[in-house]
Amino acid sequence: MHQFLTFASDADILAMWGVAFLGLAAFTLIMDRRRNRRARIDRIGWMPWTGLFLTFAVIGGGLLAVAIPGILRG
């Protein structure tokens, strides 16, 4: 893995960060659905899962949108 990252282009690195942020967005979506399915709503903590999902999804999508043209050229 180290050799790949040494010779990876900027577009490849941006794409990896984009995928990581989309993975975080998927995790927050799962946690939000889990919170909504609780039987006793008063036994859950407060965490803005929806806001975190939107933030991570926009950042991840933006990074991938910037990276795709560079990957296609390279």
C-alpha atoms as a PDB file:
ATOM      1  CA  MET A   1       0.000   0.000   0.000  1.00  0.00           C
ATOM      2  CA  HIS A   2       2.851   2.374   0.770  1.00  0.00           C
ATOM      3  CA  GLN A   3       4.257   2.129  -2.768  1.00  0.00           C
ATOM      4  CA  PHE A   4       0.856   2.969  -4.247  1.00  0.00           C
ATOM      5  CA  LEU A   5       0.514   6.063  -2.102  1.00  0.00           C
ATOM      6  CA  THR A   6       4.045   7.153  -2.930  1.00  0.00           C
ATOM      7  CA  PHE A   7       3.289   7.276  -6.649  1.00  0.00           C
ATOM      8  CA  ALA A   8      -0.416   8.175  -6.417  1.00  0.00           C
ATOM      9  CA  SER A   9      -1.499  11.322  -8.203  1.00  0.00           C
ATOM     10  CA  ASP A  10      -3.329  14.118  -6.451  1.00  0.00           C
ATOM     11  CA  ALA A  11      -6.556  12.948  -8.078  1.00  0.00           C
ATOM     12  CA  ASP A  12      -6.114   9.445  -6.652  1.00  0.00           C
ATOM     13  CA  ILE A  13      -5.537  10.811  -3.161  1.00  0.00           C
ATOM     14  CA  LEU A  14      -8.590  13.098  -3.444  1.00  0.00           C
ATOM     15  CA  ALA A  15     -10.682  10.153  -4.585  1.00  0.00           C
ATOM     16  CA  MET A  16      -9.559   8.103  -1.575  1.00  0.00           C
ATOM     17  CA  TRP A  17     -10.509  10.947   0.771  1.00  0.00           C
ATOM     18  CA  GLY A  18     -13.861  11.240  -1.009  1.00  0.00           C
ATOM     19  CA  VAL A  19     -14.564   7.541  -0.543  1.00  0.00           C
ATOM     20  CA  ALA A  20     -13.578   7.816   3.127  1.00  0.00           C
ATOM     21  CA  PHE A  21     -16.008  10.698   3.655  1.00  0.00           C
ATOM     22  CA  LEU A  22     -18.770   8.794   1.879  1.00  0.00           C
ATOM     23  CA  GLY A  23     -18.037   5.853   4.177  1.00  0.00           C
ATOM     24  CA  LEU A  24     -18.469   8.156   7.169  1.00  0.00           C
ATOM     25  CA  ALA A  25     -21.716   9.398   5.647  1.00  0.00           C
ATOM     26  CA  ALA A  26     -22.966   5.808   5.340  1.00  0.00           C
ATOM     27  CA  PHE A  27     -22.041   5.167   8.983  1.00  0.00           C
ATOM     28  CA  THR A  28     -23.956   8.239  10.154  1.00  0.00           C
ATOM     29  CA  LEU A  29     -26.969   7.206   8.059  1.00  0.00           C
ATOM     30  CA  ILE A  30     -26.966   3.784   9.724  1.00  0.00           C
ATOM     31  CA  MET A  31     -26.700   5.359  13.172  1.00  0.00           C
ATOM     32  CA  ASP A  32     -29.561   7.768  12.419  1.00  0.00           C
ATOM     33  CA  ARG A  33     -31.814   4.923  11.313  1.00  0.00           C
ATOM     34  CA  ARG A  34     -30.842   2.969  14.409  1.00  0.00           C
ATOM     35  CA  ARG A  35     -31.759   5.945  16.597  1.00  0.00           C
ATOM     36  CA  ASN A  36     -35.121   6.379  14.871  1.00  0.00           C
ATOM     37  CA  ARG A  37     -36.068   2.742  15.456  1.00  0.00           C
ATOM     38  CA  ARG A  38     -35.535   2.881  19.226  1.00  0.00           C
ATOM     39  CA  ALA A  39     -38.500   1.776  21.306  1.00  0.00           C
ATOM     40  CA  ARG A  40     -37.811   4.293  24.075  1.00  0.00           C
ATOM     41  CA  ILE A  41     -36.807   7.602  22.541  1.00  0.00           C
ATOM     42  CA  ASP A  42     -35.855   9.077  25.915  1.00  0.00           C
ATOM     43  CA  ARG A  43     -33.007   6.575  26.336  1.00  0.00           C
ATOM     44  CA  ILE A  44     -30.889   7.858  23.464  1.00  0.00           C
ATOM     45  CA  GLY A  45     -28.238  10.530  23.471  1.00  0.00           C
ATOM     46  CA  TRP A  46     -28.218  13.637  21.373  1.00  0.00           C
ATOM     47  CA  MET A  47     -26.130  13.498  18.236  1.00  0.00           C
ATOM     48  CA  PRO A  48     -26.905  15.410  15.022  1.00  0.00           C
ATOM     49  CA  TRP A  49     -26.660  12.354  12.750  1.00  0.00           C
ATOM     50  CA  THR A  50     -28.623  13.954   9.905  1.00  0.00           C
ATOM     51  CA  GLY A  51     -26.440  17.051   9.854  1.00  0.00           C
ATOM     52  CA  LEU A  52     -23.294  14.949   9.989  1.00  0.00           C
ATOM     53  CA  PHE A  53     -24.600  12.773   7.157  1.00  0.00           C
ATOM     54  CA  LEU A  54     -25.253  15.789   4.949  1.00  0.00           C
ATOM     55  CA  THR A  55     -21.870  17.324   5.764  1.00  0.00           C
ATOM     56  CA  PHE A  56     -19.909  14.148   5.050  1.00  0.00           C
ATOM     57  CA  ALA A  57     -21.918  13.340   1.907  1.00  0.00           C
ATOM     58  CA  VAL A  58     -21.394  16.817   0.422  1.00  0.00           C
ATOM     59  CA  ILE A  59     -17.668  16.804   1.206  1.00  0.00           C
ATOM     60  CA  GLY A  60     -17.210  13.263  -0.141  1.00  0.00           C
ATOM     61  CA  GLY A  61     -19.220  13.960  -3.290  1.00  0.00           C
ATOM     62  CA  GLY A  62     -17.338  17.188  -3.881  1.00  0.00           C
ATOM     63  CA  LEU A  63     -13.965  15.515  -3.517  1.00  0.00           C
ATOM     64  CA  LEU A  64     -14.966  12.765  -5.927  1.00  0.00           C
ATOM     65  CA  ALA A  65     -16.338  15.298  -8.417  1.00  0.00           C
ATOM     66  CA  VAL A  66     -13.016  17.136  -8.369  1.00  0.00           C
ATOM     67  CA  ALA A  67     -10.977  13.912  -8.608  1.00  0.00           C
ATOM     68  CA  ILE A  68     -12.795  12.164 -11.474  1.00  0.00           C
ATOM     69  CA  PRO A  69     -11.532  14.384 -14.342  1.00  0.00           C
ATOM     70  CA  GLY A  70      -7.928  13.938 -13.164  1.00  0.00           C
ATOM     71  CA  ILE A  71      -8.332  10.173 -12.920  1.00  0.00           C
ATOM     72  CA  LEU A  72      -9.857   9.952 -16.395  1.00  0.00           C
ATOM     73  CA  ARG A  73      -6.996  12.005 -17.912  1.00  0.00           C
ATOM     74  CA  GLY A  74      -4.257  10.041 -16.157  1.00  0.00           C
END
